[in-house]
């Protein structure tokens, strides 16, 4: 086979299933994260927005480390059972207590260190510490939903979950900014 034939054959290979919807979801998520930080800084000023930056830095450090393995294992196990013609409910039922347990560990750790987090990381804004707890409560089931969607081959749903996360955050941020809200807690929640 010549190089021309190889190039011709490989150029006809379609993208792997789900590439486009997941890619769109990732793009929307990334763009809205960037926009959230820009608009939030415009609304509050760079200095007053620092607790929100610290909140999202902490979130992006903790959440993937604790919940991405849940998402990946859930997706892998459901896909395996789907290939065997079996349902995914038993996998979800086994992963749910693990996910709740991981979220509980994080919430207890946040509660135990809340005075330090509030004073040193979040510039004295207790509502930002509360927002970190709420973020854990939101992202735990979101990662389960993404694992279920990917394992079930529902990549449009997977991409939608990613996109909606960012779109809700930026929509709330834009509304707060347009109404002249300058309270750090409002942007944290």
N, C-alpha and C. Protein backbone atom coordinates (compact mmCIF):
# COMPACT_ATOMS: atom_id res chain seq x y z
N UNK A 1 0.86 -1.17 0.00
CA UNK A 1 0.00 0.00 0.00
C UNK A 1 0.90 1.23 0.00
N UNK A 2 0.62 2.18 -0.89
CA UNK A 2 1.43 3.39 -0.99
C UNK A 2 0.99 4.41 0.05
N UNK A 3 1.83 5.43 0.24
CA UNK A 3 1.48 6.49 1.19
C UNK A 3 0.20 7.20 0.79
N UNK A 4 -0.03 7.36 -0.51
CA UNK A 4 -1.25 8.01 -0.98
C UNK A 4 -2.48 7.22 -0.61
N UNK A 5 -2.40 5.88 -0.73
CA UNK A 5 -3.54 5.04 -0.38
C UNK A 5 -3.80 5.08 1.13
N UNK A 6 -2.73 5.08 1.92
CA UNK A 6 -2.87 5.14 3.38
C UNK A 6 -3.54 6.45 3.79
N UNK A 7 -3.08 7.56 3.22
CA UNK A 7 -3.65 8.86 3.55
C UNK A 7 -5.12 8.91 3.16
N UNK A 8 -5.44 8.35 1.97
CA UNK A 8 -6.82 8.35 1.51
C UNK A 8 -7.71 7.53 2.44
N UNK A 9 -7.22 6.38 2.89
CA UNK A 9 -8.01 5.53 3.78
C UNK A 9 -8.20 6.18 5.15
N UNK A 10 -7.14 6.74 5.70
CA UNK A 10 -7.24 7.33 7.04
C UNK A 10 -8.06 8.61 7.03
N UNK A 11 -8.10 9.32 5.90
CA UNK A 11 -8.89 10.54 5.87
C UNK A 11 -10.39 10.24 5.87
N UNK A 12 -10.76 9.00 5.57
CA UNK A 12 -12.16 8.61 5.56
C UNK A 12 -12.60 8.00 6.89
N UNK A 13 -11.67 7.82 7.81
CA UNK A 13 -12.03 7.24 9.11
C UNK A 13 -12.80 8.30 9.90
N UNK A 14 -14.02 7.98 10.31
CA UNK A 14 -14.81 8.96 11.06
C UNK A 14 -14.21 9.18 12.46
N UNK A 15 -14.59 10.29 13.03
CA UNK A 15 -14.18 10.56 14.41
C UNK A 15 -14.80 9.51 15.32
N UNK A 16 -14.14 9.21 16.44
CA UNK A 16 -14.75 8.27 17.38
C UNK A 16 -16.12 8.78 17.85
N UNK A 17 -16.99 7.84 18.15
CA UNK A 17 -18.34 8.17 18.59
C UNK A 17 -18.30 9.15 19.76
N UNK A 18 -19.08 10.19 19.66
CA UNK A 18 -19.20 11.15 20.75
C UNK A 18 -18.20 12.28 20.74
N UNK A 19 -17.25 12.27 19.81
CA UNK A 19 -16.21 13.30 19.80
C UNK A 19 -16.80 14.70 19.67
N UNK A 20 -17.71 14.88 18.74
CA UNK A 20 -18.25 16.22 18.48
C UNK A 20 -19.08 16.75 19.66
N UNK A 21 -20.06 16.00 20.18
CA UNK A 21 -20.83 16.58 21.30
C UNK A 21 -20.00 16.81 22.55
N UNK A 22 -19.06 15.91 22.83
CA UNK A 22 -18.21 16.11 24.00
C UNK A 22 -17.27 17.30 23.76
N UNK A 23 -16.76 17.42 22.55
CA UNK A 23 -15.91 18.56 22.21
C UNK A 23 -16.64 19.87 22.34
N UNK A 24 -17.88 19.91 21.89
CA UNK A 24 -18.69 21.13 22.02
C UNK A 24 -18.93 21.44 23.50
N UNK A 25 -19.26 20.42 24.28
CA UNK A 25 -19.46 20.61 25.72
C UNK A 25 -18.21 21.14 26.40
N UNK A 26 -17.05 20.59 26.03
CA UNK A 26 -15.78 21.06 26.59
C UNK A 26 -15.51 22.51 26.20
N UNK A 27 -15.75 22.83 24.94
CA UNK A 27 -15.53 24.20 24.48
C UNK A 27 -16.42 25.17 25.25
N UNK A 28 -17.70 24.86 25.34
CA UNK A 28 -18.63 25.74 26.06
C UNK A 28 -18.20 25.87 27.51
N UNK A 29 -17.84 24.76 28.14
CA UNK A 29 -17.40 24.78 29.53
C UNK A 29 -16.16 25.65 29.71
N UNK A 30 -15.19 25.48 28.84
CA UNK A 30 -13.96 26.28 28.92
C UNK A 30 -14.20 27.75 28.66
N UNK A 31 -14.96 28.05 27.62
CA UNK A 31 -15.24 29.44 27.28
C UNK A 31 -16.02 30.13 28.40
N UNK A 32 -17.03 29.45 28.93
CA UNK A 32 -17.83 30.07 29.99
C UNK A 32 -17.04 30.24 31.28
N UNK A 33 -16.09 29.33 31.54
CA UNK A 33 -15.23 29.51 32.72
C UNK A 33 -14.39 30.77 32.56
N UNK A 34 -13.79 30.93 31.39
CA UNK A 34 -13.00 32.13 31.12
C UNK A 34 -13.87 33.38 31.25
N UNK A 35 -15.04 33.35 30.63
CA UNK A 35 -15.94 34.51 30.67
C UNK A 35 -16.39 34.82 32.09
N UNK A 36 -16.64 33.77 32.89
CA UNK A 36 -17.03 33.97 34.28
C UNK A 36 -15.96 34.77 35.03
N UNK A 37 -14.70 34.39 34.86
CA UNK A 37 -13.62 35.10 35.54
C UNK A 37 -13.49 36.53 35.04
N UNK A 38 -13.59 36.74 33.75
CA UNK A 38 -13.47 38.10 33.20
C UNK A 38 -14.62 38.99 33.68
N UNK A 39 -15.84 38.50 33.57
CA UNK A 39 -17.00 39.31 33.96
C UNK A 39 -17.02 39.52 35.47
N UNK A 40 -16.68 38.49 36.23
CA UNK A 40 -16.62 38.63 37.68
C UNK A 40 -15.61 39.67 38.11
N UNK A 41 -14.47 39.71 37.43
CA UNK A 41 -13.45 40.71 37.76
C UNK A 41 -13.91 42.11 37.35
N UNK A 42 -14.64 42.21 36.25
CA UNK A 42 -15.21 43.51 35.87
C UNK A 42 -16.22 43.98 36.91
N UNK A 43 -17.03 43.06 37.40
CA UNK A 43 -18.09 43.42 38.35
C UNK A 43 -17.54 43.79 39.72
N UNK A 44 -16.58 43.01 40.21
CA UNK A 44 -16.09 43.20 41.57
C UNK A 44 -14.74 43.88 41.66
N UNK A 45 -14.00 43.90 40.58
CA UNK A 45 -12.62 44.34 40.61
C UNK A 45 -11.72 43.15 40.93
N UNK A 46 -10.48 43.21 40.47
CA UNK A 46 -9.58 42.06 40.64
C UNK A 46 -9.37 41.71 42.11
N UNK A 47 -9.22 42.71 42.94
CA UNK A 47 -8.94 42.45 44.35
C UNK A 47 -10.13 41.79 45.05
N UNK A 48 -11.31 42.30 44.84
CA UNK A 48 -12.50 41.75 45.50
C UNK A 48 -12.93 40.40 44.92
N UNK A 49 -12.46 40.10 43.70
CA UNK A 49 -12.81 38.82 43.07
C UNK A 49 -11.87 37.69 43.50
N UNK A 50 -10.80 38.02 44.21
CA UNK A 50 -9.81 37.00 44.62
C UNK A 50 -10.42 35.83 45.40
N UNK A 51 -11.37 36.05 46.33
CA UNK A 51 -11.96 34.90 47.01
C UNK A 51 -12.67 33.94 46.06
N UNK A 52 -13.25 34.48 44.99
CA UNK A 52 -13.94 33.63 44.00
C UNK A 52 -12.90 32.84 43.20
N UNK A 53 -11.81 33.48 42.86
CA UNK A 53 -10.72 32.78 42.17
C UNK A 53 -10.21 31.64 43.05
N UNK A 54 -10.03 31.92 44.34
CA UNK A 54 -9.57 30.88 45.28
C UNK A 54 -10.59 29.75 45.39
N UNK A 55 -11.88 30.10 45.38
CA UNK A 55 -12.93 29.08 45.42
C UNK A 55 -12.82 28.14 44.23
N UNK A 56 -12.70 28.70 43.03
CA UNK A 56 -12.66 27.85 41.84
C UNK A 56 -11.34 27.13 41.71
N UNK A 57 -10.24 27.74 42.17
CA UNK A 57 -8.96 27.02 42.19
C UNK A 57 -9.08 25.79 43.08
N UNK A 58 -9.65 25.97 44.27
CA UNK A 58 -9.83 24.86 45.21
C UNK A 58 -10.78 23.81 44.63
N UNK A 59 -11.86 24.26 44.02
CA UNK A 59 -12.81 23.34 43.40
C UNK A 59 -12.14 22.52 42.30
N UNK A 60 -11.41 23.20 41.41
CA UNK A 60 -10.78 22.50 40.29
C UNK A 60 -9.62 21.61 40.76
N UNK A 61 -9.11 21.84 41.96
CA UNK A 61 -8.08 20.96 42.51
C UNK A 61 -8.70 19.73 43.17
N UNK A 62 -9.80 19.91 43.89
CA UNK A 62 -10.41 18.81 44.64
C UNK A 62 -11.33 17.92 43.81
N UNK A 63 -12.23 18.53 43.07
CA UNK A 63 -13.29 17.77 42.40
C UNK A 63 -12.76 16.73 41.43
N UNK A 64 -11.88 17.07 40.50
CA UNK A 64 -11.40 16.02 39.59
C UNK A 64 -10.67 14.90 40.32
N UNK A 65 -9.91 15.24 41.33
CA UNK A 65 -9.16 14.22 42.06
C UNK A 65 -10.04 13.22 42.79
N UNK A 66 -11.17 13.68 43.28
CA UNK A 66 -12.07 12.79 44.02
C UNK A 66 -13.14 12.16 43.14
N UNK A 67 -13.67 12.92 42.19
CA UNK A 67 -14.85 12.44 41.46
C UNK A 67 -14.59 11.99 40.03
N UNK A 68 -13.47 12.38 39.43
CA UNK A 68 -13.17 11.90 38.08
C UNK A 68 -12.95 10.38 38.08
N UNK A 69 -12.28 9.80 39.08
CA UNK A 69 -12.17 8.34 39.10
C UNK A 69 -13.54 7.66 39.20
N UNK A 70 -14.47 8.25 39.93
CA UNK A 70 -15.83 7.71 40.02
C UNK A 70 -16.47 7.74 38.63
N UNK A 71 -16.37 8.88 37.97
CA UNK A 71 -16.94 9.02 36.63
C UNK A 71 -16.34 8.00 35.66
N UNK A 72 -15.02 7.87 35.68
CA UNK A 72 -14.36 6.97 34.74
C UNK A 72 -14.70 5.51 35.02
N UNK A 73 -14.69 5.11 36.27
CA UNK A 73 -15.02 3.72 36.60
C UNK A 73 -16.48 3.42 36.31
N UNK A 74 -17.34 4.35 36.61
CA UNK A 74 -18.76 4.18 36.31
C UNK A 74 -18.96 4.03 34.80
N UNK A 75 -18.34 4.89 34.03
CA UNK A 75 -18.45 4.80 32.57
C UNK A 75 -17.90 3.49 32.04
N UNK A 76 -16.73 3.08 32.53
CA UNK A 76 -16.11 1.84 32.07
C UNK A 76 -16.99 0.64 32.42
N UNK A 77 -17.46 0.58 33.65
CA UNK A 77 -18.25 -0.58 34.10
C UNK A 77 -19.60 -0.65 33.39
N UNK A 78 -20.23 0.50 33.18
CA UNK A 78 -21.52 0.49 32.47
C UNK A 78 -21.31 0.09 31.01
N UNK A 79 -20.26 0.59 30.39
CA UNK A 79 -19.98 0.22 28.99
C UNK A 79 -19.71 -1.28 28.88
N UNK A 80 -19.00 -1.83 29.85
CA UNK A 80 -18.73 -3.28 29.85
C UNK A 80 -20.04 -4.06 29.96
N UNK A 81 -20.88 -3.67 30.90
CA UNK A 81 -22.16 -4.37 31.07
C UNK A 81 -23.06 -4.17 29.85
N UNK A 82 -22.99 -3.00 29.25
CA UNK A 82 -23.78 -2.74 28.05
C UNK A 82 -23.34 -3.66 26.91
N UNK A 83 -22.02 -3.87 26.80
CA UNK A 83 -21.49 -4.77 25.76
C UNK A 83 -21.96 -6.21 25.99
N UNK A 84 -22.20 -6.56 27.24
CA UNK A 84 -22.70 -7.90 27.57
C UNK A 84 -24.22 -7.99 27.51
N UNK A 85 -24.87 -6.87 27.20
CA UNK A 85 -26.33 -6.86 27.14
C UNK A 85 -26.99 -6.76 28.50
N UNK A 86 -26.25 -6.27 29.48
CA UNK A 86 -26.77 -6.14 30.84
C UNK A 86 -26.99 -4.66 31.16
N UNK A 87 -27.84 -4.40 32.09
CA UNK A 87 -28.11 -3.02 32.49
C UNK A 87 -27.04 -2.48 33.43
N UNK A 88 -27.03 -1.16 33.58
CA UNK A 88 -26.03 -0.51 34.40
C UNK A 88 -26.46 -0.20 35.82
N UNK A 89 -27.72 -0.49 36.16
CA UNK A 89 -28.23 -0.13 37.49
C UNK A 89 -27.38 -0.71 38.63
N UNK A 90 -26.95 -1.98 38.58
CA UNK A 90 -26.14 -2.49 39.69
C UNK A 90 -24.84 -1.71 39.90
N UNK A 91 -24.26 -1.25 38.82
CA UNK A 91 -23.02 -0.46 38.92
C UNK A 91 -23.32 0.88 39.60
N UNK A 92 -24.38 1.52 39.17
CA UNK A 92 -24.76 2.81 39.76
C UNK A 92 -25.06 2.63 41.25
N UNK A 93 -25.76 1.55 41.59
CA UNK A 93 -26.10 1.30 42.99
C UNK A 93 -24.85 1.06 43.84
N UNK A 94 -23.81 0.48 43.25
CA UNK A 94 -22.55 0.27 43.99
C UNK A 94 -21.74 1.56 44.09
N UNK A 95 -21.81 2.40 43.05
CA UNK A 95 -21.00 3.62 43.04
C UNK A 95 -21.62 4.76 43.83
N UNK A 96 -22.92 4.74 44.01
CA UNK A 96 -23.60 5.82 44.73
C UNK A 96 -23.10 5.97 46.16
N UNK A 97 -23.01 4.89 46.95
CA UNK A 97 -22.49 5.06 48.32
C UNK A 97 -21.04 5.54 48.34
N UNK A 98 -20.24 5.09 47.38
CA UNK A 98 -18.85 5.56 47.29
C UNK A 98 -18.82 7.06 47.03
N UNK A 99 -19.63 7.51 46.10
CA UNK A 99 -19.66 8.93 45.75
C UNK A 99 -20.14 9.76 46.94
N UNK A 100 -21.18 9.29 47.60
CA UNK A 100 -21.68 10.00 48.79
C UNK A 100 -20.61 10.02 49.87
N UNK A 101 -19.91 8.91 50.04
CA UNK A 101 -18.84 8.83 51.03
C UNK A 101 -17.71 9.81 50.73
N UNK A 102 -17.29 9.88 49.47
CA UNK A 102 -16.23 10.82 49.09
C UNK A 102 -16.68 12.26 49.31
N UNK A 103 -17.91 12.56 48.93
CA UNK A 103 -18.43 13.91 49.14
C UNK A 103 -18.49 14.24 50.63
N UNK A 104 -18.90 13.27 51.42
CA UNK A 104 -18.98 13.47 52.87
C UNK A 104 -17.60 13.73 53.46
N UNK A 105 -16.60 12.97 53.03
CA UNK A 105 -15.23 13.18 53.51
C UNK A 105 -14.77 14.60 53.18
N UNK A 106 -15.02 15.04 51.96
CA UNK A 106 -14.63 16.39 51.58
C UNK A 106 -15.37 17.44 52.39
N UNK A 107 -16.65 17.26 52.59
CA UNK A 107 -17.44 18.23 53.34
C UNK A 107 -16.99 18.30 54.79
N UNK A 108 -16.71 17.15 55.39
CA UNK A 108 -16.21 17.12 56.77
C UNK A 108 -14.85 17.82 56.84
N UNK A 109 -13.99 17.57 55.87
CA UNK A 109 -12.67 18.23 55.85
C UNK A 109 -12.83 19.75 55.69
N UNK A 110 -13.75 20.16 54.85
CA UNK A 110 -14.00 21.60 54.67
C UNK A 110 -14.55 22.19 55.97
N UNK A 111 -15.48 21.49 56.60
CA UNK A 111 -16.05 21.98 57.87
C UNK A 111 -14.97 22.07 58.95
N UNK A 112 -14.11 21.06 59.01
CA UNK A 112 -13.04 21.06 60.02
C UNK A 112 -12.04 22.18 59.81
N UNK A 113 -11.83 22.55 58.57
CA UNK A 113 -10.86 23.61 58.27
C UNK A 113 -11.54 24.91 57.85
N UNK A 114 -12.82 25.04 58.16
CA UNK A 114 -13.58 26.20 57.68
C UNK A 114 -13.06 27.53 58.19
N UNK A 115 -12.62 27.59 59.43
CA UNK A 115 -12.12 28.89 59.93
C UNK A 115 -10.85 29.29 59.18
N UNK A 116 -9.96 28.33 58.94
CA UNK A 116 -8.75 28.63 58.17
C UNK A 116 -9.10 29.00 56.72
N UNK A 117 -9.97 28.19 56.09
CA UNK A 117 -10.37 28.47 54.71
C UNK A 117 -10.98 29.86 54.60
N UNK A 118 -11.91 30.16 55.51
CA UNK A 118 -12.61 31.44 55.46
C UNK A 118 -11.64 32.61 55.64
N UNK A 119 -10.78 32.52 56.64
CA UNK A 119 -9.90 33.66 56.92
C UNK A 119 -8.72 33.76 55.96
N UNK A 120 -8.06 32.65 55.67
CA UNK A 120 -6.83 32.71 54.87
C UNK A 120 -7.04 32.58 53.36
N UNK A 121 -7.96 31.76 52.95
CA UNK A 121 -8.15 31.55 51.51
C UNK A 121 -9.23 32.44 50.92
N UNK A 122 -10.28 32.68 51.69
CA UNK A 122 -11.44 33.37 51.15
C UNK A 122 -11.63 34.77 51.74
N UNK A 123 -10.56 35.36 52.24
CA UNK A 123 -10.55 36.74 52.72
C UNK A 123 -11.67 37.07 53.69
N UNK A 124 -12.02 36.11 54.56
CA UNK A 124 -13.03 36.35 55.58
C UNK A 124 -14.47 36.18 55.13
N UNK A 125 -14.68 35.74 53.91
CA UNK A 125 -16.04 35.57 53.38
C UNK A 125 -16.52 34.15 53.66
N UNK A 126 -17.29 33.97 54.74
CA UNK A 126 -17.77 32.63 55.11
C UNK A 126 -18.67 32.04 54.03
N UNK A 127 -19.37 32.90 53.28
CA UNK A 127 -20.27 32.39 52.25
C UNK A 127 -19.49 31.69 51.13
N UNK A 128 -18.24 32.06 50.94
CA UNK A 128 -17.42 31.38 49.93
C UNK A 128 -17.09 29.97 50.42
N UNK A 129 -16.86 29.81 51.71
CA UNK A 129 -16.64 28.48 52.27
C UNK A 129 -17.91 27.63 52.11
N UNK A 130 -19.05 28.23 52.39
CA UNK A 130 -20.32 27.54 52.17
C UNK A 130 -20.47 27.15 50.69
N UNK A 131 -20.07 28.04 49.81
CA UNK A 131 -20.15 27.75 48.38
C UNK A 131 -19.27 26.58 47.99
N UNK A 132 -18.13 26.43 48.65
CA UNK A 132 -17.26 25.28 48.37
C UNK A 132 -17.99 23.98 48.73
N UNK A 133 -18.68 23.98 49.86
CA UNK A 133 -19.47 22.80 50.26
C UNK A 133 -20.56 22.53 49.22
N UNK A 134 -21.26 23.57 48.81
CA UNK A 134 -22.32 23.40 47.82
C UNK A 134 -21.76 22.92 46.48
N UNK A 135 -20.58 23.38 46.15
CA UNK A 135 -19.93 22.95 44.91
C UNK A 135 -19.65 21.46 44.94
N UNK A 136 -19.18 20.96 46.08
CA UNK A 136 -18.94 19.52 46.22
C UNK A 136 -20.27 18.77 46.06
N UNK A 137 -21.31 19.29 46.70
CA UNK A 137 -22.64 18.64 46.61
C UNK A 137 -23.17 18.64 45.18
N UNK A 138 -22.80 19.62 44.39
CA UNK A 138 -23.25 19.69 43.00
C UNK A 138 -22.40 18.81 42.08
N UNK A 139 -21.09 18.87 42.24
CA UNK A 139 -20.21 18.16 41.31
C UNK A 139 -20.19 16.65 41.53
N UNK A 140 -20.47 16.17 42.72
CA UNK A 140 -20.49 14.72 42.95
C UNK A 140 -21.54 14.04 42.06
N UNK A 141 -22.80 14.46 42.11
CA UNK A 141 -23.78 13.82 41.22
C UNK A 141 -23.54 14.14 39.74
N UNK A 142 -22.95 15.31 39.46
CA UNK A 142 -22.67 15.64 38.07
C UNK A 142 -21.67 14.66 37.47
N UNK A 143 -20.64 14.31 38.24
CA UNK A 143 -19.67 13.34 37.73
C UNK A 143 -20.30 11.96 37.59
N UNK A 144 -21.21 11.61 38.47
CA UNK A 144 -21.94 10.35 38.30
C UNK A 144 -22.77 10.39 37.01
N UNK A 145 -23.45 11.49 36.78
CA UNK A 145 -24.26 11.62 35.56
C UNK A 145 -23.39 11.51 34.32
N UNK A 146 -22.22 12.12 34.35
CA UNK A 146 -21.32 12.03 33.20
C UNK A 146 -20.83 10.60 33.00
N UNK A 147 -20.54 9.89 34.08
CA UNK A 147 -20.13 8.49 33.97
C UNK A 147 -21.23 7.62 33.40
N UNK A 148 -22.45 7.85 33.86
CA UNK A 148 -23.60 7.09 33.35
C UNK A 148 -23.79 7.40 31.87
N UNK A 149 -23.71 8.67 31.51
CA UNK A 149 -23.91 9.05 30.10
C UNK A 149 -22.83 8.45 29.20
N UNK A 150 -21.57 8.54 29.61
CA UNK A 150 -20.51 8.01 28.75
C UNK A 150 -20.58 6.49 28.66
N UNK A 151 -20.83 5.83 29.77
CA UNK A 151 -20.93 4.37 29.76
C UNK A 151 -22.11 3.86 28.96
N UNK A 152 -23.15 4.68 28.88
CA UNK A 152 -24.35 4.31 28.12
C UNK A 152 -24.24 4.71 26.66
N UNK A 153 -23.13 5.35 26.30
CA UNK A 153 -22.95 5.79 24.92
C UNK A 153 -23.77 7.02 24.57
N UNK A 154 -24.22 7.75 25.58
CA UNK A 154 -25.03 8.95 25.36
C UNK A 154 -24.12 10.18 25.47
N UNK A 155 -23.31 10.36 24.44
CA UNK A 155 -22.29 11.41 24.48
C UNK A 155 -22.88 12.81 24.32
N UNK A 156 -24.01 12.91 23.66
CA UNK A 156 -24.67 14.22 23.59
C UNK A 156 -25.10 14.66 24.99
N UNK A 157 -25.60 13.72 25.79
CA UNK A 157 -25.97 14.03 27.17
C UNK A 157 -24.74 14.42 27.98
N UNK A 158 -23.64 13.72 27.76
CA UNK A 158 -22.38 14.02 28.45
C UNK A 158 -21.95 15.46 28.14
N UNK A 159 -21.92 15.79 26.86
CA UNK A 159 -21.55 17.14 26.46
C UNK A 159 -22.51 18.19 26.99
N UNK A 160 -23.78 17.84 27.03
CA UNK A 160 -24.79 18.77 27.55
C UNK A 160 -24.57 19.06 29.03
N UNK A 161 -24.25 18.04 29.81
CA UNK A 161 -23.98 18.24 31.24
C UNK A 161 -22.82 19.21 31.41
N UNK A 162 -21.77 19.03 30.62
CA UNK A 162 -20.61 19.92 30.71
C UNK A 162 -20.98 21.35 30.32
N UNK A 163 -21.71 21.48 29.23
CA UNK A 163 -22.07 22.81 28.74
C UNK A 163 -23.02 23.53 29.69
N UNK A 164 -24.02 22.82 30.19
CA UNK A 164 -25.01 23.44 31.08
C UNK A 164 -24.35 23.95 32.36
N UNK A 165 -23.39 23.21 32.87
CA UNK A 165 -22.65 23.65 34.06
C UNK A 165 -22.07 25.05 33.83
N UNK A 166 -21.39 25.22 32.73
CA UNK A 166 -20.79 26.52 32.43
C UNK A 166 -21.82 27.58 32.09
N UNK A 167 -22.84 27.21 31.34
CA UNK A 167 -23.85 28.19 30.92
C UNK A 167 -24.63 28.74 32.10
N UNK A 168 -24.98 27.88 33.06
CA UNK A 168 -25.70 28.35 34.25
C UNK A 168 -24.82 29.32 35.03
N UNK A 169 -23.55 28.97 35.20
CA UNK A 169 -22.63 29.83 35.96
C UNK A 169 -22.48 31.20 35.29
N UNK A 170 -22.28 31.21 33.98
CA UNK A 170 -22.06 32.49 33.30
C UNK A 170 -23.35 33.30 33.23
N UNK A 171 -24.48 32.64 33.06
CA UNK A 171 -25.76 33.37 33.02
C UNK A 171 -26.01 34.09 34.34
N UNK A 172 -25.77 33.39 35.44
CA UNK A 172 -25.95 34.01 36.76
C UNK A 172 -24.97 35.17 36.95
N UNK A 173 -23.74 34.97 36.52
CA UNK A 173 -22.72 36.01 36.65
C UNK A 173 -23.09 37.26 35.85
N UNK A 174 -23.54 37.07 34.62
CA UNK A 174 -23.93 38.20 33.78
C UNK A 174 -25.11 38.94 34.40
N UNK A 175 -26.09 38.20 34.90
CA UNK A 175 -27.25 38.85 35.54
C UNK A 175 -26.81 39.68 36.75
N UNK A 176 -25.97 39.10 37.60
CA UNK A 176 -25.48 39.84 38.77
C UNK A 176 -24.75 41.11 38.34
N UNK A 177 -23.90 40.99 37.35
CA UNK A 177 -23.13 42.13 36.85
C UNK A 177 -24.05 43.20 36.28
N UNK A 178 -25.02 42.79 35.47
CA UNK A 178 -25.94 43.75 34.85
C UNK A 178 -26.80 44.48 35.88
N UNK A 179 -27.11 43.80 36.98
CA UNK A 179 -27.90 44.44 38.03
C UNK A 179 -27.04 45.18 39.05
N UNK A 180 -25.75 45.24 38.78
CA UNK A 180 -24.85 46.01 39.63
C UNK A 180 -24.54 45.39 40.97
N UNK A 181 -24.71 44.07 41.09
CA UNK A 181 -24.43 43.39 42.36
C UNK A 181 -22.92 43.35 42.57
N UNK A 182 -22.48 43.79 43.75
CA UNK A 182 -21.05 43.80 44.06
C UNK A 182 -20.74 43.01 45.33
N UNK A 183 -21.62 42.11 45.70
CA UNK A 183 -21.43 41.28 46.88
C UNK A 183 -20.69 40.00 46.48
N UNK A 184 -19.56 39.74 47.12
CA UNK A 184 -18.75 38.56 46.81
C UNK A 184 -19.57 37.28 46.96
N UNK A 185 -20.39 37.22 48.00
CA UNK A 185 -21.18 36.02 48.26
C UNK A 185 -22.12 35.67 47.12
N UNK A 186 -22.68 36.68 46.47
CA UNK A 186 -23.59 36.41 45.35
C UNK A 186 -22.86 35.72 44.21
N UNK A 187 -21.63 36.13 43.94
CA UNK A 187 -20.86 35.51 42.85
C UNK A 187 -20.33 34.14 43.26
N UNK A 188 -20.14 33.95 44.56
CA UNK A 188 -19.68 32.64 45.04
C UNK A 188 -20.78 31.60 44.92
N UNK A 189 -22.00 32.02 45.21
CA UNK A 189 -23.12 31.08 45.15
C UNK A 189 -23.52 30.84 43.73
